[in-house]
Amino acid sequence: MAEVKQPDGVQIDLISGERMEGLASMEKIRIILDGVREGNIVILEEGLSPEEESRLIEVTMTEISPDEFNGIEIETYPSSESSKSGLFDRLMGNDSDKKLTVIGPANRIETLHKDETLIQTLVSRK
């Protein structure tokens, strides 16, 4: 039987907000963690709520295994603390929760720089 050659590179899963819309929090977390456990970088068009991010980290901690899974690295742009909307904007429904989130295996992704307009990341092949 012929051996299937794996591509030499890093797979990036770009997940649209439409795909995640209507899914329960645990379904979103499973999609993310399944991709990251395979060594992929997952980019979410619309990010996660703060509660979902906390749950993602919580679930990740229970799945860490020294030989198999080292955990995740997660960066969000713009970060919630850099949001310029105030209480009045949120009350009037003008608060935008649009944000891009990058998630990858902790042993393959390293954030080099992050500010209000840019996330620079170095991704190793393994």
C-alpha atoms as a PDB file:
ATOM      1  CA  MET A   1       0.000   0.000   0.000  1.00  0.00           C
ATOM      2  CA  ALA A   2       1.377   3.444  -0.919  1.00  0.00           C
ATOM      3  CA  GLU A   3       2.223   5.803   1.923  1.00  0.00           C
ATOM      4  CA  VAL A   4       0.290   9.076   1.898  1.00  0.00           C
ATOM      5  CA  LYS A   5       2.689  12.006   2.202  1.00  0.00           C
ATOM      6  CA  GLN A   6       1.518  14.698   4.590  1.00  0.00           C
ATOM      7  CA  PRO A   7       1.941  18.270   3.325  1.00  0.00           C
ATOM      8  CA  ASP A   8       4.934  20.105   4.742  1.00  0.00           C
ATOM      9  CA  GLY A   9       3.404  23.093   6.441  1.00  0.00           C
ATOM     10  CA  VAL A  10       0.874  24.345   8.925  1.00  0.00           C
ATOM     11  CA  GLN A  11      -2.858  23.910   8.435  1.00  0.00           C
ATOM     12  CA  ILE A  12      -4.959  26.960   9.280  1.00  0.00           C
ATOM     13  CA  ASP A  13      -8.680  26.511   9.912  1.00  0.00           C
ATOM     14  CA  LEU A  14     -10.537  29.786   9.214  1.00  0.00           C
ATOM     15  CA  ILE A  15     -13.949  29.391  10.852  1.00  0.00           C
ATOM     16  CA  SER A  16     -16.690  31.825   9.882  1.00  0.00           C
ATOM     17  CA  GLY A  17     -19.070  33.394  12.341  1.00  0.00           C
ATOM     18  CA  GLU A  18     -21.886  31.818  10.353  1.00  0.00           C
ATOM     19  CA  ARG A  19     -20.584  28.294  11.052  1.00  0.00           C
ATOM     20  CA  MET A  20     -20.389  28.958  14.806  1.00  0.00           C
ATOM     21  CA  GLU A  21     -23.710  30.790  14.978  1.00  0.00           C
ATOM     22  CA  GLY A  22     -26.364  28.839  16.843  1.00  0.00           C
ATOM     23  CA  LEU A  23     -23.935  26.280  18.284  1.00  0.00           C
ATOM     24  CA  ALA A  24     -23.860  25.636  22.006  1.00  0.00           C
ATOM     25  CA  SER A  25     -20.700  26.750  23.824  1.00  0.00           C
ATOM     26  CA  MET A  26     -19.427  23.179  24.249  1.00  0.00           C
ATOM     27  CA  GLU A  27     -19.922  22.476  20.529  1.00  0.00           C
ATOM     28  CA  LYS A  28     -17.777  25.528  19.691  1.00  0.00           C
ATOM     29  CA  ILE A  29     -15.124  24.426  22.177  1.00  0.00           C
ATOM     30  CA  ARG A  30     -15.059  20.892  20.719  1.00  0.00           C
ATOM     31  CA  ILE A  31     -14.605  22.250  17.161  1.00  0.00           C
ATOM     32  CA  ILE A  32     -11.717  24.432  18.342  1.00  0.00           C
ATOM     33  CA  LEU A  33      -9.982  21.821  20.497  1.00  0.00           C
ATOM     34  CA  ASP A  34     -10.354  19.055  17.913  1.00  0.00           C
ATOM     35  CA  GLY A  35      -8.586  21.256  15.353  1.00  0.00           C
ATOM     36  CA  VAL A  36      -5.848  22.367  17.740  1.00  0.00           C
ATOM     37  CA  ARG A  37      -5.215  18.809  18.967  1.00  0.00           C
ATOM     38  CA  GLU A  38      -4.537  17.873  15.328  1.00  0.00           C
ATOM     39  CA  GLY A  39      -1.845  20.584  15.289  1.00  0.00           C
ATOM     40  CA  ASN A  40      -3.871  23.142  13.341  1.00  0.00           C
ATOM     41  CA  ILE A  41      -4.101  26.884  13.918  1.00  0.00           C
ATOM     42  CA  VAL A  42      -7.762  27.876  14.357  1.00  0.00           C
ATOM     43  CA  ILE A  43      -8.877  31.401  13.486  1.00  0.00           C
ATOM     44  CA  LEU A  44     -12.376  32.459  14.495  1.00  0.00           C
ATOM     45  CA  GLU A  45     -13.933  35.271  12.493  1.00  0.00           C
ATOM     46  CA  GLU A  46     -16.066  36.444  15.422  1.00  0.00           C
ATOM     47  CA  GLY A  47     -14.266  35.138  18.482  1.00  0.00           C
ATOM     48  CA  LEU A  48     -15.815  33.780  21.642  1.00  0.00           C
ATOM     49  CA  SER A  49     -17.660  35.412  24.511  1.00  0.00           C
ATOM     50  CA  PRO A  50     -15.611  35.907  27.704  1.00  0.00           C
ATOM     51  CA  GLU A  51     -17.525  33.017  29.286  1.00  0.00           C
ATOM     52  CA  GLU A  52     -16.754  30.745  26.311  1.00  0.00           C
ATOM     53  CA  GLU A  53     -13.066  31.701  26.424  1.00  0.00           C
ATOM     54  CA  SER A  54     -12.960  30.838  30.132  1.00  0.00           C
ATOM     55  CA  ARG A  55     -14.666  27.508  29.475  1.00  0.00           C
ATOM     56  CA  LEU A  56     -12.251  26.781  26.584  1.00  0.00           C
ATOM     57  CA  ILE A  57      -9.289  27.314  28.910  1.00  0.00           C
ATOM     58  CA  GLU A  58     -10.956  25.207  31.622  1.00  0.00           C
ATOM     59  CA  VAL A  59     -11.611  22.285  29.244  1.00  0.00           C
ATOM     60  CA  THR A  60      -8.110  22.597  27.773  1.00  0.00           C
ATOM     61  CA  MET A  61      -6.556  22.254  31.234  1.00  0.00           C
ATOM     62  CA  THR A  62      -8.376  18.960  31.782  1.00  0.00           C
ATOM     63  CA  GLU A  63      -7.115  17.577  28.457  1.00  0.00           C
ATOM     64  CA  ILE A  64      -3.414  18.443  28.817  1.00  0.00           C
ATOM     65  CA  SER A  65      -1.187  15.394  28.597  1.00  0.00           C
ATOM     66  CA  PRO A  66       2.643  15.671  28.576  1.00  0.00           C
ATOM     67  CA  ASP A  67       3.076  13.254  25.669  1.00  0.00           C
ATOM     68  CA  GLU A  68       0.038  14.179  23.585  1.00  0.00           C
ATOM     69  CA  PHE A  69      -1.315  17.699  24.144  1.00  0.00           C
ATOM     70  CA  ASN A  70       0.551  20.689  25.604  1.00  0.00           C
ATOM     71  CA  GLY A  71      -2.395  23.073  25.718  1.00  0.00           C
ATOM     72  CA  ILE A  72      -3.322  26.127  23.665  1.00  0.00           C
ATOM     73  CA  GLU A  73      -2.121  29.629  22.968  1.00  0.00           C
ATOM     74  CA  ILE A  74      -4.946  32.134  22.382  1.00  0.00           C
ATOM     75  CA  GLU A  75      -4.864  35.752  21.197  1.00  0.00           C
ATOM     76  CA  THR A  76      -7.837  37.982  20.440  1.00  0.00           C
ATOM     77  CA  TYR A  77      -7.976  41.190  18.417  1.00  0.00           C
ATOM     78  CA  PRO A  78      -9.231  43.600  19.489  1.00  0.00           C
ATOM     79  CA  SER A  79      -8.934  42.584  23.088  1.00  0.00           C
ATOM     80  CA  SER A  80     -11.937  43.299  25.283  1.00  0.00           C
ATOM     81  CA  GLU A  81      -9.938  45.665  27.482  1.00  0.00           C
ATOM     82  CA  SER A  82      -9.070  47.835  24.464  1.00  0.00           C
ATOM     83  CA  SER A  83     -12.729  48.286  23.579  1.00  0.00           C
ATOM     84  CA  LYS A  84     -13.600  51.980  23.422  1.00  0.00           C
ATOM     85  CA  SER A  85     -17.329  51.542  23.907  1.00  0.00           C
ATOM     86  CA  GLY A  86     -18.689  52.712  27.199  1.00  0.00           C
ATOM     87  CA  LEU A  87     -21.668  51.716  29.290  1.00  0.00           C
ATOM     88  CA  PHE A  88     -24.003  53.993  27.298  1.00  0.00           C
ATOM     89  CA  ASP A  89     -22.978  52.342  24.000  1.00  0.00           C
ATOM     90  CA  ARG A  90     -23.575  48.873  25.442  1.00  0.00           C
ATOM     91  CA  LEU A  91     -26.983  49.884  26.818  1.00  0.00           C
ATOM     92  CA  MET A  92     -27.983  51.321  23.429  1.00  0.00           C
ATOM     93  CA  GLY A  93     -26.856  48.166  21.632  1.00  0.00           C
ATOM     94  CA  ASN A  94     -23.918  49.899  19.933  1.00  0.00           C
ATOM     95  CA  ASP A  95     -21.276  47.707  21.544  1.00  0.00           C
ATOM     96  CA  SER A  96     -19.538  45.611  18.910  1.00  0.00           C
ATOM     97  CA  ASP A  97     -18.464  42.143  19.979  1.00  0.00           C
ATOM     98  CA  LYS A  98     -16.722  41.525  16.648  1.00  0.00           C
ATOM     99  CA  LYS A  99     -13.253  40.226  17.231  1.00  0.00           C
ATOM    100  CA  LEU A 100     -10.792  37.912  15.564  1.00  0.00           C
ATOM    101  CA  THR A 101      -9.391  35.074  17.694  1.00  0.00           C
ATOM    102  CA  VAL A 102      -6.307  32.987  16.896  1.00  0.00           C
ATOM    103  CA  ILE A 103      -5.901  29.670  18.751  1.00  0.00           C
ATOM    104  CA  GLY A 104      -3.133  27.143  18.292  1.00  0.00           C
ATOM    105  CA  PRO A 105      -1.145  24.416  19.997  1.00  0.00           C
ATOM    106  CA  ALA A 106       1.013  25.888  22.763  1.00  0.00           C
ATOM    107  CA  ASN A 107       4.092  24.083  21.481  1.00  0.00           C
ATOM    108  CA  ARG A 108       3.699  25.460  17.924  1.00  0.00           C
ATOM    109  CA  ILE A 109       2.516  29.047  18.265  1.00  0.00           C
ATOM    110  CA  GLU A 110       4.366  31.934  19.850  1.00  0.00           C
ATOM    111  CA  THR A 111       3.059  35.490  19.994  1.00  0.00           C
ATOM    112  CA  LEU A 112       5.830  37.883  19.033  1.00  0.00           C
ATOM    113  CA  HIS A 113       3.904  41.151  19.251  1.00  0.00           C
ATOM    114  CA  LYS A 114       0.372  42.304  19.932  1.00  0.00           C
ATOM    115  CA  ASP A 115      -1.153  45.756  19.972  1.00  0.00           C
ATOM    116  CA  GLU A 116      -4.508  47.344  19.082  1.00  0.00           C
ATOM    117  CA  THR A 117      -4.021  46.813  15.337  1.00  0.00           C
ATOM    118  CA  LEU A 118      -1.752  43.789  14.899  1.00  0.00           C
ATOM    119  CA  ILE A 119      -1.009  40.306  16.175  1.00  0.00           C
ATOM    120  CA  GLN A 120       2.357  38.886  15.031  1.00  0.00           C
ATOM    121  CA  THR A 121       2.745  35.160  15.585  1.00  0.00           C
ATOM    122  CA  LEU A 122       5.492  32.683  14.831  1.00  0.00           C
ATOM    123  CA  VAL A 123       4.219  29.191  14.007  1.00  0.00           C
ATOM    124  CA  SER A 124       6.619  26.249  14.030  1.00  0.00           C
ATOM    125  CA  ARG A 125       6.113  23.119  11.939  1.00  0.00           C
ATOM    126  CA  LYS A 126       6.547  20.908  15.040  1.00  0.00           C
END
